[in-house]
Amino acid sequence: MKRHFSTSAFSELAKGIEDAYRHYEHVHFYSREELELVARHLGFSRMQFVACRRSEHEALRNLETRAQQQDLNIYAELTK
C-alpha cells in the first residue's frame, strides 16, 4: 500500500483510490503473506513468486504489458 499511497494527503489518497480501486475494479490489495494463505486455503500446493514478465513456463512469459506497474504488483504462479 505504501507504494500506491506515498503520502497521507487527501488528494493523493483520492487519486490512489480512483486509480487502483475504481479504474481497475480492485476490491482488495493482497500482501504476499495473504495471497499465500488464501492460495493454500483454496488447495494450491505450490506457490512461487516471480519477477515481472518472468516464468519458468514459456507460455506465461512477457504477458504483462503495463511496465509502469511492475514495481506495484505481486507476480505469483500457483499450482493445484
N, C-alpha and C. Protein backbone atom coordinates (compact mmCIF):
# COMPACT_ATOMS: atom_id res chain seq x y z
N MET A 1 0.81 -1.19 0.00
CA MET A 1 0.00 0.00 0.00
C MET A 1 0.86 1.26 0.00
N LYS A 2 2.01 1.20 0.67
CA LYS A 2 2.88 2.37 0.70
C LYS A 2 3.36 2.74 -0.70
N ARG A 3 3.45 1.76 -1.58
CA ARG A 3 3.88 2.05 -2.95
C ARG A 3 2.78 2.79 -3.72
N HIS A 4 1.53 2.51 -3.40
CA HIS A 4 0.41 3.18 -4.07
C HIS A 4 0.13 4.55 -3.47
N PHE A 5 0.30 4.66 -2.16
CA PHE A 5 -0.03 5.90 -1.47
C PHE A 5 1.22 6.44 -0.78
N SER A 6 1.93 7.33 -1.46
CA SER A 6 3.21 7.81 -0.94
C SER A 6 3.05 8.85 0.16
N THR A 7 1.89 9.49 0.25
CA THR A 7 1.62 10.45 1.33
C THR A 7 0.22 10.18 1.87
N SER A 8 -0.09 10.85 2.95
CA SER A 8 -1.43 10.69 3.51
C SER A 8 -2.33 11.87 3.15
N ALA A 9 -1.89 12.71 2.23
CA ALA A 9 -2.71 13.85 1.80
C ALA A 9 -3.99 13.34 1.14
N PHE A 10 -5.10 14.00 1.42
CA PHE A 10 -6.39 13.56 0.89
C PHE A 10 -6.38 13.44 -0.63
N SER A 11 -5.78 14.42 -1.31
CA SER A 11 -5.78 14.39 -2.78
C SER A 11 -5.01 13.17 -3.30
N GLU A 12 -3.92 12.81 -2.61
CA GLU A 12 -3.14 11.63 -3.01
C GLU A 12 -3.95 10.36 -2.77
N LEU A 13 -4.62 10.27 -1.64
CA LEU A 13 -5.45 9.10 -1.34
C LEU A 13 -6.60 8.98 -2.33
N ALA A 14 -7.25 10.08 -2.62
CA ALA A 14 -8.37 10.06 -3.56
C ALA A 14 -7.92 9.60 -4.94
N LYS A 15 -6.78 10.10 -5.40
CA LYS A 15 -6.25 9.68 -6.70
C LYS A 15 -5.88 8.20 -6.68
N GLY A 16 -5.24 7.74 -5.61
CA GLY A 16 -4.87 6.34 -5.50
C GLY A 16 -6.06 5.42 -5.50
N ILE A 17 -7.10 5.81 -4.79
CA ILE A 17 -8.33 5.01 -4.77
C ILE A 17 -8.95 4.97 -6.16
N GLU A 18 -9.00 6.11 -6.81
CA GLU A 18 -9.56 6.15 -8.18
C GLU A 18 -8.75 5.27 -9.12
N ASP A 19 -7.42 5.42 -9.07
CA ASP A 19 -6.55 4.66 -9.97
C ASP A 19 -6.62 3.16 -9.72
N ALA A 20 -6.54 2.77 -8.47
CA ALA A 20 -6.43 1.35 -8.14
C ALA A 20 -7.78 0.65 -8.04
N TYR A 21 -8.68 1.20 -7.26
CA TYR A 21 -9.92 0.51 -6.99
C TYR A 21 -10.97 0.70 -8.09
N ARG A 22 -11.20 1.92 -8.48
CA ARG A 22 -12.28 2.15 -9.44
C ARG A 22 -11.86 1.86 -10.88
N HIS A 23 -10.68 2.32 -11.27
CA HIS A 23 -10.25 2.15 -12.66
C HIS A 23 -10.05 0.67 -13.00
N TYR A 24 -9.40 -0.07 -12.10
CA TYR A 24 -9.12 -1.49 -12.37
C TYR A 24 -10.09 -2.43 -11.65
N GLU A 25 -11.07 -1.86 -10.96
CA GLU A 25 -12.11 -2.63 -10.25
C GLU A 25 -11.53 -3.57 -9.20
N HIS A 26 -10.44 -3.16 -8.54
CA HIS A 26 -9.88 -3.95 -7.46
C HIS A 26 -10.79 -3.87 -6.24
N VAL A 27 -10.81 -4.94 -5.49
CA VAL A 27 -11.59 -4.99 -4.27
C VAL A 27 -10.68 -5.00 -3.05
N HIS A 28 -9.52 -5.62 -3.19
CA HIS A 28 -8.61 -5.78 -2.06
C HIS A 28 -7.18 -5.86 -2.58
N PHE A 29 -6.24 -5.30 -1.84
CA PHE A 29 -4.83 -5.47 -2.16
C PHE A 29 -4.28 -6.57 -1.26
N TYR A 30 -3.67 -7.57 -1.85
CA TYR A 30 -3.10 -8.67 -1.08
C TYR A 30 -1.61 -8.47 -0.86
N SER A 31 -1.16 -8.81 0.33
CA SER A 31 0.27 -8.91 0.58
C SER A 31 0.69 -10.31 0.13
N ARG A 32 1.96 -10.55 0.06
CA ARG A 32 2.43 -11.90 -0.29
C ARG A 32 1.91 -12.92 0.72
N GLU A 33 1.95 -12.54 1.99
CA GLU A 33 1.50 -13.46 3.05
C GLU A 33 0.02 -13.79 2.92
N GLU A 34 -0.80 -12.77 2.66
CA GLU A 34 -2.23 -13.01 2.48
C GLU A 34 -2.51 -13.87 1.26
N LEU A 35 -1.83 -13.57 0.18
CA LEU A 35 -2.02 -14.33 -1.05
C LEU A 35 -1.67 -15.79 -0.84
N GLU A 36 -0.58 -16.04 -0.15
CA GLU A 36 -0.18 -17.42 0.12
C GLU A 36 -1.19 -18.13 1.02
N LEU A 37 -1.69 -17.44 2.03
CA LEU A 37 -2.68 -18.02 2.94
C LEU A 37 -3.96 -18.39 2.18
N VAL A 38 -4.46 -17.49 1.36
CA VAL A 38 -5.67 -17.76 0.59
C VAL A 38 -5.44 -18.88 -0.41
N ALA A 39 -4.30 -18.88 -1.08
CA ALA A 39 -3.99 -19.92 -2.07
C ALA A 39 -3.96 -21.30 -1.41
N ARG A 40 -3.31 -21.39 -0.27
CA ARG A 40 -3.25 -22.69 0.43
C ARG A 40 -4.65 -23.12 0.88
N HIS A 41 -5.44 -22.18 1.36
CA HIS A 41 -6.81 -22.48 1.78
C HIS A 41 -7.65 -23.00 0.61
N LEU A 42 -7.37 -22.51 -0.59
CA LEU A 42 -8.10 -22.93 -1.79
C LEU A 42 -7.53 -24.20 -2.41
N GLY A 43 -6.50 -24.77 -1.81
CA GLY A 43 -5.99 -26.05 -2.27
C GLY A 43 -4.79 -26.00 -3.20
N PHE A 44 -4.18 -24.83 -3.34
CA PHE A 44 -2.97 -24.77 -4.16
C PHE A 44 -1.82 -25.35 -3.36
N SER A 45 -1.05 -26.23 -3.99
CA SER A 45 0.02 -26.92 -3.29
C SER A 45 1.38 -26.24 -3.46
N ARG A 46 1.50 -25.44 -4.48
CA ARG A 46 2.79 -24.78 -4.75
C ARG A 46 2.54 -23.34 -5.12
N MET A 47 3.36 -22.48 -4.57
CA MET A 47 3.25 -21.05 -4.88
C MET A 47 4.65 -20.52 -5.06
N GLN A 48 4.88 -19.87 -6.19
CA GLN A 48 6.19 -19.31 -6.47
C GLN A 48 6.02 -17.86 -6.88
N PHE A 49 6.71 -16.97 -6.17
CA PHE A 49 6.71 -15.56 -6.54
C PHE A 49 7.76 -15.38 -7.63
N VAL A 50 7.40 -14.68 -8.67
CA VAL A 50 8.30 -14.49 -9.81
C VAL A 50 8.42 -13.00 -10.13
N ALA A 51 9.41 -12.65 -10.88
CA ALA A 51 9.60 -11.27 -11.32
C ALA A 51 8.66 -10.97 -12.49
N CYS A 52 8.40 -9.71 -12.68
CA CYS A 52 7.55 -9.27 -13.78
C CYS A 52 8.05 -9.83 -15.11
N ARG A 53 7.13 -10.39 -15.87
CA ARG A 53 7.39 -10.92 -17.21
C ARG A 53 8.31 -12.15 -17.21
N ARG A 54 8.48 -12.77 -16.05
CA ARG A 54 9.33 -13.96 -15.93
C ARG A 54 8.47 -15.14 -15.52
N SER A 55 8.82 -16.27 -15.98
CA SER A 55 8.14 -17.50 -15.60
C SER A 55 9.01 -18.68 -16.01
N GLU A 56 8.85 -19.78 -15.31
CA GLU A 56 9.54 -20.98 -15.77
C GLU A 56 8.76 -21.64 -16.90
N HIS A 57 7.57 -21.11 -17.17
CA HIS A 57 6.73 -21.61 -18.26
C HIS A 57 6.76 -20.60 -19.41
N GLU A 58 7.27 -20.99 -20.53
CA GLU A 58 7.43 -20.07 -21.66
C GLU A 58 6.13 -19.38 -22.05
N ALA A 59 5.03 -20.10 -22.02
CA ALA A 59 3.74 -19.53 -22.43
C ALA A 59 3.29 -18.39 -21.52
N LEU A 60 3.83 -18.31 -20.33
CA LEU A 60 3.44 -17.27 -19.38
C LEU A 60 4.41 -16.10 -19.33
N ARG A 61 5.48 -16.15 -20.07
CA ARG A 61 6.48 -15.07 -20.05
C ARG A 61 6.01 -13.87 -20.87
N ASN A 62 6.40 -12.71 -20.42
CA ASN A 62 6.18 -11.45 -21.14
C ASN A 62 4.72 -11.12 -21.38
N LEU A 63 3.83 -11.56 -20.50
CA LEU A 63 2.41 -11.26 -20.66
C LEU A 63 2.03 -9.88 -20.12
N GLU A 64 2.74 -9.41 -19.12
CA GLU A 64 2.44 -8.11 -18.52
C GLU A 64 2.78 -7.00 -19.51
N THR A 65 1.81 -6.14 -19.77
CA THR A 65 2.02 -5.06 -20.75
C THR A 65 2.10 -3.69 -20.08
N ARG A 66 1.95 -3.64 -18.77
CA ARG A 66 1.98 -2.35 -18.06
C ARG A 66 3.29 -2.22 -17.30
N ALA A 67 4.33 -1.83 -17.99
CA ALA A 67 5.67 -1.74 -17.39
C ALA A 67 5.67 -0.84 -16.16
N GLN A 68 4.86 0.20 -16.17
CA GLN A 68 4.83 1.13 -15.05
C GLN A 68 4.25 0.49 -13.79
N GLN A 69 3.62 -0.66 -13.91
CA GLN A 69 3.02 -1.35 -12.77
C GLN A 69 3.93 -2.39 -12.14
N GLN A 70 5.05 -2.71 -12.76
CA GLN A 70 5.84 -3.85 -12.31
C GLN A 70 6.35 -3.72 -10.88
N ASP A 71 6.57 -2.53 -10.38
CA ASP A 71 7.02 -2.37 -9.00
C ASP A 71 5.86 -2.31 -8.02
N LEU A 72 4.64 -2.29 -8.52
CA LEU A 72 3.46 -2.20 -7.67
C LEU A 72 2.75 -3.54 -7.49
N ASN A 73 2.97 -4.46 -8.40
CA ASN A 73 2.23 -5.71 -8.41
C ASN A 73 3.04 -6.88 -7.85
N ILE A 74 2.32 -7.88 -7.40
CA ILE A 74 2.91 -9.15 -7.00
C ILE A 74 2.66 -10.13 -8.13
N TYR A 75 3.68 -10.82 -8.55
CA TYR A 75 3.54 -11.81 -9.61
C TYR A 75 3.79 -13.18 -8.98
N ALA A 76 2.81 -14.05 -9.10
CA ALA A 76 2.91 -15.36 -8.49
C ALA A 76 2.34 -16.41 -9.42
N GLU A 77 2.92 -17.60 -9.35
CA GLU A 77 2.41 -18.73 -10.10
C GLU A 77 2.01 -19.80 -9.09
N LEU A 78 0.78 -20.27 -9.22
CA LEU A 78 0.22 -21.23 -8.28
C LEU A 78 -0.08 -22.53 -8.99
N THR A 79 0.13 -23.63 -8.30
CA THR A 79 -0.12 -24.96 -8.84
C THR A 79 -1.05 -25.70 -7.90
N LYS A 80 -2.11 -26.30 -8.45
CA LYS A 80 -3.04 -27.09 -7.63
C LYS A 80 -2.47 -28.44 -7.36
